[in-house]
Amino acid sequence: MGAEWIRPVDHAPETVRPAGEADLLVATCLAAASAGEISAYFDLGVAYSTGSHGAPVDLIEAHKWFNLAAVAGYEDAAQCRADVADEMTAREIAEAQRRAREWLAAGARHAA
């Protein structure tokens, strides 16, 4: 894996940031996730489940990122995934799982 992922300090959804800065935080998390930083997967799950870092609340995306973190061995991710799933329909969970598989397949193609 790449350099150690450093989390943005503030996880509070009520923190107001300028739009560009909030977008940059999500973009930074996405870039770290693309580089295989497992904690970035978890941080994206937190962002999408709470609306922090400028991300909209999107339980499908949150479940996807928590799922990816759990599969990669991030300790708290499975419980967070279960908590999010409690608020989702079966169809939404299936969509989240499909997106997680797509992410993994895209990574495998890039690694080849």
Protein backbone atom coordinates (compact mmCIF):
# COMPACT_ATOMS: atom_id res chain seq x y z
CA MET A 1 0.00 0.00 0.00
CA GLY A 2 0.94 3.62 -0.34
CA ALA A 3 1.75 6.22 2.25
CA GLU A 4 -0.02 6.14 5.59
CA TRP A 5 -3.53 7.57 5.20
CA ILE A 6 -4.12 10.55 7.46
CA ARG A 7 -7.75 11.14 8.33
CA PRO A 8 -9.23 14.58 8.23
CA VAL A 9 -9.57 15.72 11.83
CA ASP A 10 -13.24 16.69 11.88
CA HIS A 11 -15.89 13.97 11.45
CA ALA A 12 -18.75 16.15 12.72
CA PRO A 13 -21.56 16.49 10.14
CA GLU A 14 -22.61 19.86 11.51
CA THR A 15 -19.27 21.45 10.63
CA VAL A 16 -19.78 23.90 7.80
CA ARG A 17 -16.98 24.08 5.26
CA PRO A 18 -16.72 25.99 2.02
CA ALA A 19 -18.01 23.79 -0.82
CA GLY A 20 -14.61 23.45 -2.48
CA GLU A 21 -12.91 22.41 0.75
CA ALA A 22 -15.61 19.84 1.54
CA ASP A 23 -15.38 18.41 -1.99
CA LEU A 24 -11.60 18.25 -1.59
CA LEU A 25 -11.91 16.19 1.60
CA VAL A 26 -14.14 13.62 -0.13
CA ALA A 27 -11.85 13.64 -3.17
CA THR A 28 -8.84 13.05 -0.91
CA CYS A 29 -10.62 10.09 0.72
CA LEU A 30 -11.52 8.69 -2.71
CA ALA A 31 -7.93 9.03 -3.91
CA ALA A 32 -6.64 7.25 -0.81
CA ALA A 33 -9.25 4.50 -1.28
CA SER A 34 -8.14 4.12 -4.89
CA ALA A 35 -4.62 3.64 -3.60
CA GLY A 36 -5.85 0.82 -1.36
CA GLU A 37 -5.87 2.69 1.96
CA ILE A 38 -8.33 0.63 4.02
CA SER A 39 -8.96 3.35 6.59
CA ALA A 40 -10.08 5.61 3.72
CA TYR A 41 -12.78 3.04 2.90
CA PHE A 42 -14.01 3.33 6.47
CA ASP A 43 -13.81 7.12 6.44
CA LEU A 44 -15.91 7.23 3.26
CA GLY A 45 -18.48 5.00 4.98
CA VAL A 46 -18.57 7.45 7.87
CA ALA A 47 -18.83 10.41 5.52
CA TYR A 48 -21.74 8.97 3.53
CA SER A 49 -23.57 7.63 6.59
CA THR A 50 -23.39 10.92 8.50
CA GLY A 51 -23.12 13.57 5.79
CA SER A 52 -19.69 14.67 7.02
CA HIS A 53 -16.82 15.93 4.85
CA GLY A 54 -19.25 17.45 2.38
CA ALA A 55 -20.69 14.11 1.34
CA PRO A 56 -24.45 13.78 1.05
CA VAL A 57 -26.08 11.20 3.31
CA ASP A 58 -26.23 8.15 1.05
CA LEU A 59 -26.76 4.85 2.83
CA ILE A 60 -26.04 2.80 -0.30
CA GLU A 61 -22.61 4.41 -0.66
CA ALA A 62 -22.03 4.16 3.11
CA HIS A 63 -22.83 0.43 3.07
CA LYS A 64 -20.56 -0.06 0.04
CA TRP A 65 -17.58 1.60 1.74
CA PHE A 66 -18.15 -0.12 5.10
CA ASN A 67 -18.45 -3.42 3.24
CA LEU A 68 -15.16 -2.85 1.42
CA ALA A 69 -13.46 -1.89 4.70
CA ALA A 70 -14.87 -4.98 6.46
CA VAL A 71 -13.73 -7.32 3.68
CA ALA A 72 -10.27 -5.75 3.87
CA GLY A 73 -10.13 -6.41 7.62
CA TYR A 74 -10.97 -3.03 9.15
CA GLU A 75 -12.13 -3.99 12.62
CA ASP A 76 -15.16 -1.70 13.21
CA ALA A 77 -16.49 -1.72 9.65
CA ALA A 78 -18.70 -4.81 9.87
CA GLN A 79 -20.66 -3.37 12.81
CA CYS A 80 -21.05 -0.03 11.04
CA ARG A 81 -22.22 -1.85 7.90
CA ALA A 82 -24.81 -3.71 9.98
CA ASP A 83 -25.99 -0.48 11.60
CA VAL A 84 -26.46 1.16 8.20
CA ALA A 85 -28.16 -1.95 6.79
CA ASP A 86 -30.79 -1.73 9.55
CA GLU A 87 -32.02 1.46 7.87
CA MET A 88 -31.99 0.09 4.31
CA THR A 89 -34.30 -1.99 2.14
CA ALA A 90 -33.16 -5.32 0.70
CA ARG A 91 -32.99 -3.68 -2.73
CA GLU A 92 -30.73 -0.90 -1.41
CA ILE A 93 -28.42 -3.45 0.24
CA ALA A 94 -28.23 -5.42 -3.01
CA GLU A 95 -27.30 -2.21 -4.87
CA ALA A 96 -24.61 -1.43 -2.29
CA GLN A 97 -23.17 -4.93 -2.68
CA ARG A 98 -23.21 -4.59 -6.47
CA ARG A 99 -21.29 -1.29 -6.22
CA ALA A 100 -18.74 -2.86 -3.86
CA ARG A 101 -18.18 -5.73 -6.33
CA GLU A 102 -17.73 -3.19 -9.15
CA TRP A 103 -15.14 -1.31 -7.08
CA LEU A 104 -13.22 -4.53 -6.40
CA ALA A 105 -13.42 -5.60 -10.06
CA ALA A 106 -12.17 -2.20 -11.23
CA GLY A 107 -9.24 -2.45 -8.82
CA ALA A 108 -8.38 -5.93 -10.08
CA ARG A 109 -8.39 -4.67 -13.67
CA HIS A 110 -6.04 -1.82 -12.77
CA ALA A 111 -3.69 -4.17 -10.94
CA ALA A 112 -3.43 -6.52 -13.93
